[in-house]
Amino acid sequence: MESGKHITHAQLPRKEEFKFSKSLLKYVVGSTPELGKSWKECRYLYAPCCAIGSHWFAVKIDLEDRTIFIFDSLKSHVRKAELEAFMKPLQVVIPLLMKLHVKCDDSYSTEHFRFIKMKEVPQQHNGYGLFCTCLILHYF
């Protein structure tokens, strides 16, 4: 990857050579879940994320602004380097999915999505427990 920031058009495999799983593509085109929407019709995606095996947080992915917002009720639990490593697949794969299966446009950039850890998120004080799960439900 060029400068670790984005994949150039020359580095991008042809659509027929780049294989995403069929089950993932069903979400992108809106055939899964049963009442799903195609990403073409969406501005935001919402997803639960589990980091370090047991800690859950919510993400809101803005497809237009190319930003992943992280809502974490236990900010100190995941260190910055761990979070960066955890988020890297989303930052890389979402632009590729958008380019190849949503926008289908050579001009759509494969530059990585950025992520922002939201500051105004209620914090749990018990260290662990069900609060992180409740927070995810609140933000969805």
C-alpha atoms as a PDB file:
ATOM      1  CA  MET A   1       0.000   0.000   0.000  1.00  0.00           C
ATOM      2  CA  GLU A   2       1.206   3.466  -0.835  1.00  0.00           C
ATOM      3  CA  SER A   3       2.251   5.408   2.273  1.00  0.00           C
ATOM      4  CA  GLY A   4      -0.001   3.137   4.344  1.00  0.00           C
ATOM      5  CA  LYS A   5      -2.906   5.506   3.563  1.00  0.00           C
ATOM      6  CA  HIS A   6      -4.614   4.204   0.431  1.00  0.00           C
ATOM      7  CA  ILE A   7      -4.390   1.766  -2.421  1.00  0.00           C
ATOM      8  CA  THR A   8      -3.656   3.288  -5.808  1.00  0.00           C
ATOM      9  CA  HIS A   9      -5.794   2.372  -8.784  1.00  0.00           C
ATOM     10  CA  ALA A  10      -2.855   0.429 -10.268  1.00  0.00           C
ATOM     11  CA  GLN A  11      -2.558  -1.657  -7.074  1.00  0.00           C
ATOM     12  CA  LEU A  12      -6.258  -2.476  -6.966  1.00  0.00           C
ATOM     13  CA  PRO A  13      -7.123  -5.900  -8.370  1.00  0.00           C
ATOM     14  CA  ARG A  14      -9.796  -6.078 -11.035  1.00  0.00           C
ATOM     15  CA  LYS A  15     -13.285  -6.515  -9.607  1.00  0.00           C
ATOM     16  CA  GLU A  16     -13.476 -10.103 -10.814  1.00  0.00           C
ATOM     17  CA  GLU A  17     -10.126 -10.897  -9.129  1.00  0.00           C
ATOM     18  CA  PHE A  18     -10.924  -9.351  -5.733  1.00  0.00           C
ATOM     19  CA  LYS A  19     -13.021 -11.779  -3.720  1.00  0.00           C
ATOM     20  CA  PHE A  20     -15.142 -10.791  -0.765  1.00  0.00           C
ATOM     21  CA  SER A  21     -17.220 -13.506   0.857  1.00  0.00           C
ATOM     22  CA  LYS A  22     -20.701 -13.919  -0.582  1.00  0.00           C
ATOM     23  CA  SER A  23     -22.230 -13.554   2.878  1.00  0.00           C
ATOM     24  CA  LEU A  24     -20.546 -10.144   3.332  1.00  0.00           C
ATOM     25  CA  LEU A  25     -21.705  -8.968  -0.094  1.00  0.00           C
ATOM     26  CA  LYS A  26     -25.296  -9.887   0.808  1.00  0.00           C
ATOM     27  CA  TYR A  27     -25.140  -7.180   3.492  1.00  0.00           C
ATOM     28  CA  VAL A  28     -23.652  -4.675   1.036  1.00  0.00           C
ATOM     29  CA  VAL A  29     -26.382  -5.190  -1.579  1.00  0.00           C
ATOM     30  CA  GLY A  30     -29.132  -5.366   1.051  1.00  0.00           C
ATOM     31  CA  SER A  31     -30.317  -8.948   0.596  1.00  0.00           C
ATOM     32  CA  THR A  32     -29.317  -9.764   4.202  1.00  0.00           C
ATOM     33  CA  PRO A  33     -30.944  -9.329   6.669  1.00  0.00           C
ATOM     34  CA  GLU A  34     -34.400  -9.942   5.258  1.00  0.00           C
ATOM     35  CA  LEU A  35     -35.425  -6.271   5.482  1.00  0.00           C
ATOM     36  CA  GLY A  36     -31.937  -4.935   4.771  1.00  0.00           C
ATOM     37  CA  LYS A  37     -31.072  -1.988   2.534  1.00  0.00           C
ATOM     38  CA  SER A  38     -28.367  -1.708  -0.051  1.00  0.00           C
ATOM     39  CA  TRP A  39     -25.449   0.460   1.030  1.00  0.00           C
ATOM     40  CA  LYS A  40     -26.334   2.621  -2.005  1.00  0.00           C
ATOM     41  CA  GLU A  41     -29.408   3.741  -0.056  1.00  0.00           C
ATOM     42  CA  CYS A  42     -27.584   4.367   3.231  1.00  0.00           C
ATOM     43  CA  ARG A  43     -25.449   7.104   4.643  1.00  0.00           C
ATOM     44  CA  TYR A  44     -24.713   5.381   7.962  1.00  0.00           C
ATOM     45  CA  LEU A  45     -23.889   1.841   9.007  1.00  0.00           C
ATOM     46  CA  TYR A  46     -24.096   0.775  12.655  1.00  0.00           C
ATOM     47  CA  ALA A  47     -22.153  -2.142  14.075  1.00  0.00           C
ATOM     48  CA  PRO A  48     -21.234  -3.652  17.428  1.00  0.00           C
ATOM     49  CA  CYS A  49     -17.517  -4.348  17.849  1.00  0.00           C
ATOM     50  CA  CYS A  50     -15.807  -6.656  20.324  1.00  0.00           C
ATOM     51  CA  ALA A  51     -12.207  -5.821  21.158  1.00  0.00           C
ATOM     52  CA  ILE A  52      -9.809  -7.735  23.374  1.00  0.00           C
ATOM     53  CA  GLY A  53     -12.166 -10.681  23.563  1.00  0.00           C
ATOM     54  CA  SER A  54     -14.814  -9.294  25.889  1.00  0.00           C
ATOM     55  CA  HIS A  55     -15.200  -5.527  25.576  1.00  0.00           C
ATOM     56  CA  TRP A  56     -17.965  -4.249  23.316  1.00  0.00           C
ATOM     57  CA  PHE A  57     -18.423  -0.802  21.812  1.00  0.00           C
ATOM     58  CA  ALA A  58     -20.598   0.680  19.083  1.00  0.00           C
ATOM     59  CA  VAL A  59     -19.464   2.173  15.788  1.00  0.00           C
ATOM     60  CA  LYS A  60     -21.343   4.455  13.448  1.00  0.00           C
ATOM     61  CA  ILE A  61     -19.830   4.480   9.959  1.00  0.00           C
ATOM     62  CA  ASP A  62     -20.534   7.570   7.864  1.00  0.00           C
ATOM     63  CA  LEU A  63     -20.204   6.392   4.260  1.00  0.00           C
ATOM     64  CA  GLU A  64     -20.286   9.924   2.832  1.00  0.00           C
ATOM     65  CA  ASP A  65     -17.795  11.565   5.207  1.00  0.00           C
ATOM     66  CA  ARG A  66     -15.627   8.411   5.292  1.00  0.00           C
ATOM     67  CA  THR A  67     -15.543   8.414   9.094  1.00  0.00           C
ATOM     68  CA  ILE A  68     -15.991   5.698  11.708  1.00  0.00           C
ATOM     69  CA  PHE A  69     -17.318   7.062  15.016  1.00  0.00           C
ATOM     70  CA  ILE A  70     -16.517   4.942  18.078  1.00  0.00           C
ATOM     71  CA  PHE A  71     -18.843   4.994  21.103  1.00  0.00           C
ATOM     72  CA  ASP A  72     -16.984   3.343  23.977  1.00  0.00           C
ATOM     73  CA  SER A  73     -18.265   3.254  27.556  1.00  0.00           C
ATOM     74  CA  LEU A  74     -14.883   2.160  28.899  1.00  0.00           C
ATOM     75  CA  LYS A  75     -12.381   4.325  27.036  1.00  0.00           C
ATOM     76  CA  SER A  76      -9.376   3.298  29.097  1.00  0.00           C
ATOM     77  CA  HIS A  77      -9.904  -0.432  28.466  1.00  0.00           C
ATOM     78  CA  VAL A  78      -8.510  -0.490  24.913  1.00  0.00           C
ATOM     79  CA  ARG A  79      -5.145   1.190  24.416  1.00  0.00           C
ATOM     80  CA  LYS A  80      -4.608   3.477  21.435  1.00  0.00           C
ATOM     81  CA  ALA A  81      -2.299   1.046  19.594  1.00  0.00           C
ATOM     82  CA  GLU A  82      -4.760  -1.825  20.136  1.00  0.00           C
ATOM     83  CA  LEU A  83      -7.646   0.274  18.864  1.00  0.00           C
ATOM     84  CA  GLU A  84      -5.686   1.366  15.786  1.00  0.00           C
ATOM     85  CA  ALA A  85      -4.844  -2.262  14.982  1.00  0.00           C
ATOM     86  CA  PHE A  86      -8.438  -3.349  15.619  1.00  0.00           C
ATOM     87  CA  MET A  87      -9.917  -0.615  13.395  1.00  0.00           C
ATOM     88  CA  LYS A  88      -7.492  -1.078  10.478  1.00  0.00           C
ATOM     89  CA  PRO A  89      -9.548  -3.801   8.713  1.00  0.00           C
ATOM     90  CA  LEU A  90     -12.670  -1.599   8.757  1.00  0.00           C
ATOM     91  CA  GLN A  91     -10.685   1.414   7.576  1.00  0.00           C
ATOM     92  CA  VAL A  92      -9.323  -0.572   4.617  1.00  0.00           C
ATOM     93  CA  VAL A  93     -12.159  -2.909   3.629  1.00  0.00           C
ATOM     94  CA  ILE A  94     -15.065  -0.450   3.663  1.00  0.00           C
ATOM     95  CA  PRO A  95     -13.568   1.837   0.978  1.00  0.00           C
ATOM     96  CA  LEU A  96     -12.821  -1.226  -1.166  1.00  0.00           C
ATOM     97  CA  LEU A  97     -16.374  -2.528  -0.786  1.00  0.00           C
ATOM     98  CA  MET A  98     -17.711   0.921  -1.638  1.00  0.00           C
ATOM     99  CA  LYS A  99     -15.528   1.239  -4.736  1.00  0.00           C
ATOM    100  CA  LEU A 100     -16.118  -2.256  -6.081  1.00  0.00           C
ATOM    101  CA  HIS A 101     -19.720  -2.990  -5.081  1.00  0.00           C
ATOM    102  CA  VAL A 102     -21.512   0.270  -4.261  1.00  0.00           C
ATOM    103  CA  LYS A 103     -20.107   3.206  -6.210  1.00  0.00           C
ATOM    104  CA  CYS A 104     -18.638   1.086  -9.036  1.00  0.00           C
ATOM    105  CA  ASP A 105     -16.705   4.189 -10.020  1.00  0.00           C
ATOM    106  CA  ASP A 106     -13.004   4.408 -10.861  1.00  0.00           C
ATOM    107  CA  SER A 107     -12.852   7.871  -9.287  1.00  0.00           C
ATOM    108  CA  TYR A 108     -14.020   6.641  -5.850  1.00  0.00           C
ATOM    109  CA  SER A 109     -11.003   6.828  -3.535  1.00  0.00           C
ATOM    110  CA  THR A 110      -9.709   3.807  -1.669  1.00  0.00           C
ATOM    111  CA  GLU A 111      -8.149   6.071   0.935  1.00  0.00           C
ATOM    112  CA  HIS A 112      -8.732   4.601   4.372  1.00  0.00           C
ATOM    113  CA  PHE A 113     -11.689   5.788   6.409  1.00  0.00           C
ATOM    114  CA  ARG A 114     -10.623   7.728   9.486  1.00  0.00           C
ATOM    115  CA  PHE A 115     -11.921   6.912  12.927  1.00  0.00           C
ATOM    116  CA  ILE A 116     -12.854   9.181  15.791  1.00  0.00           C
ATOM    117  CA  LYS A 117     -13.313   8.074  19.381  1.00  0.00           C
ATOM    118  CA  MET A 118     -16.302  10.059  20.626  1.00  0.00           C
ATOM    119  CA  LYS A 119     -15.666  12.021  23.819  1.00  0.00           C
ATOM    120  CA  GLU A 120     -19.199  12.614  25.100  1.00  0.00           C
ATOM    121  CA  VAL A 121     -20.018   8.986  25.863  1.00  0.00           C
ATOM    122  CA  PRO A 122     -21.314   7.972  29.315  1.00  0.00           C
ATOM    123  CA  GLN A 123     -18.592   5.980  31.051  1.00  0.00           C
ATOM    124  CA  GLN A 124     -19.121   2.864  33.105  1.00  0.00           C
ATOM    125  CA  HIS A 125     -17.531   2.922  36.511  1.00  0.00           C
ATOM    126  CA  ASN A 126     -17.679  -0.753  37.403  1.00  0.00           C
ATOM    127  CA  GLY A 127     -14.872  -1.770  35.029  1.00  0.00           C
ATOM    128  CA  TYR A 128     -16.761  -4.627  33.414  1.00  0.00           C
ATOM    129  CA  GLY A 129     -20.244  -5.942  33.179  1.00  0.00           C
ATOM    130  CA  LEU A 130     -23.255  -5.461  30.994  1.00  0.00           C
ATOM    131  CA  PHE A 131     -23.053  -1.681  30.706  1.00  0.00           C
ATOM    132  CA  CYS A 132     -21.055  -1.783  27.463  1.00  0.00           C
ATOM    133  CA  THR A 133     -23.783  -3.968  25.923  1.00  0.00           C
ATOM    134  CA  CYS A 134     -26.488  -1.556  27.112  1.00  0.00           C
ATOM    135  CA  LEU A 135     -24.554   1.335  25.613  1.00  0.00           C
ATOM    136  CA  ILE A 136     -24.400  -0.387  22.230  1.00  0.00           C
ATOM    137  CA  LEU A 137     -28.171  -0.846  22.285  1.00  0.00           C
ATOM    138  CA  HIS A 138     -28.609   2.814  23.241  1.00  0.00           C
ATOM    139  CA  TYR A 139     -26.581   4.067  20.262  1.00  0.00           C
ATOM    140  CA  PHE A 140     -28.333   1.751  17.808  1.00  0.00           C
END
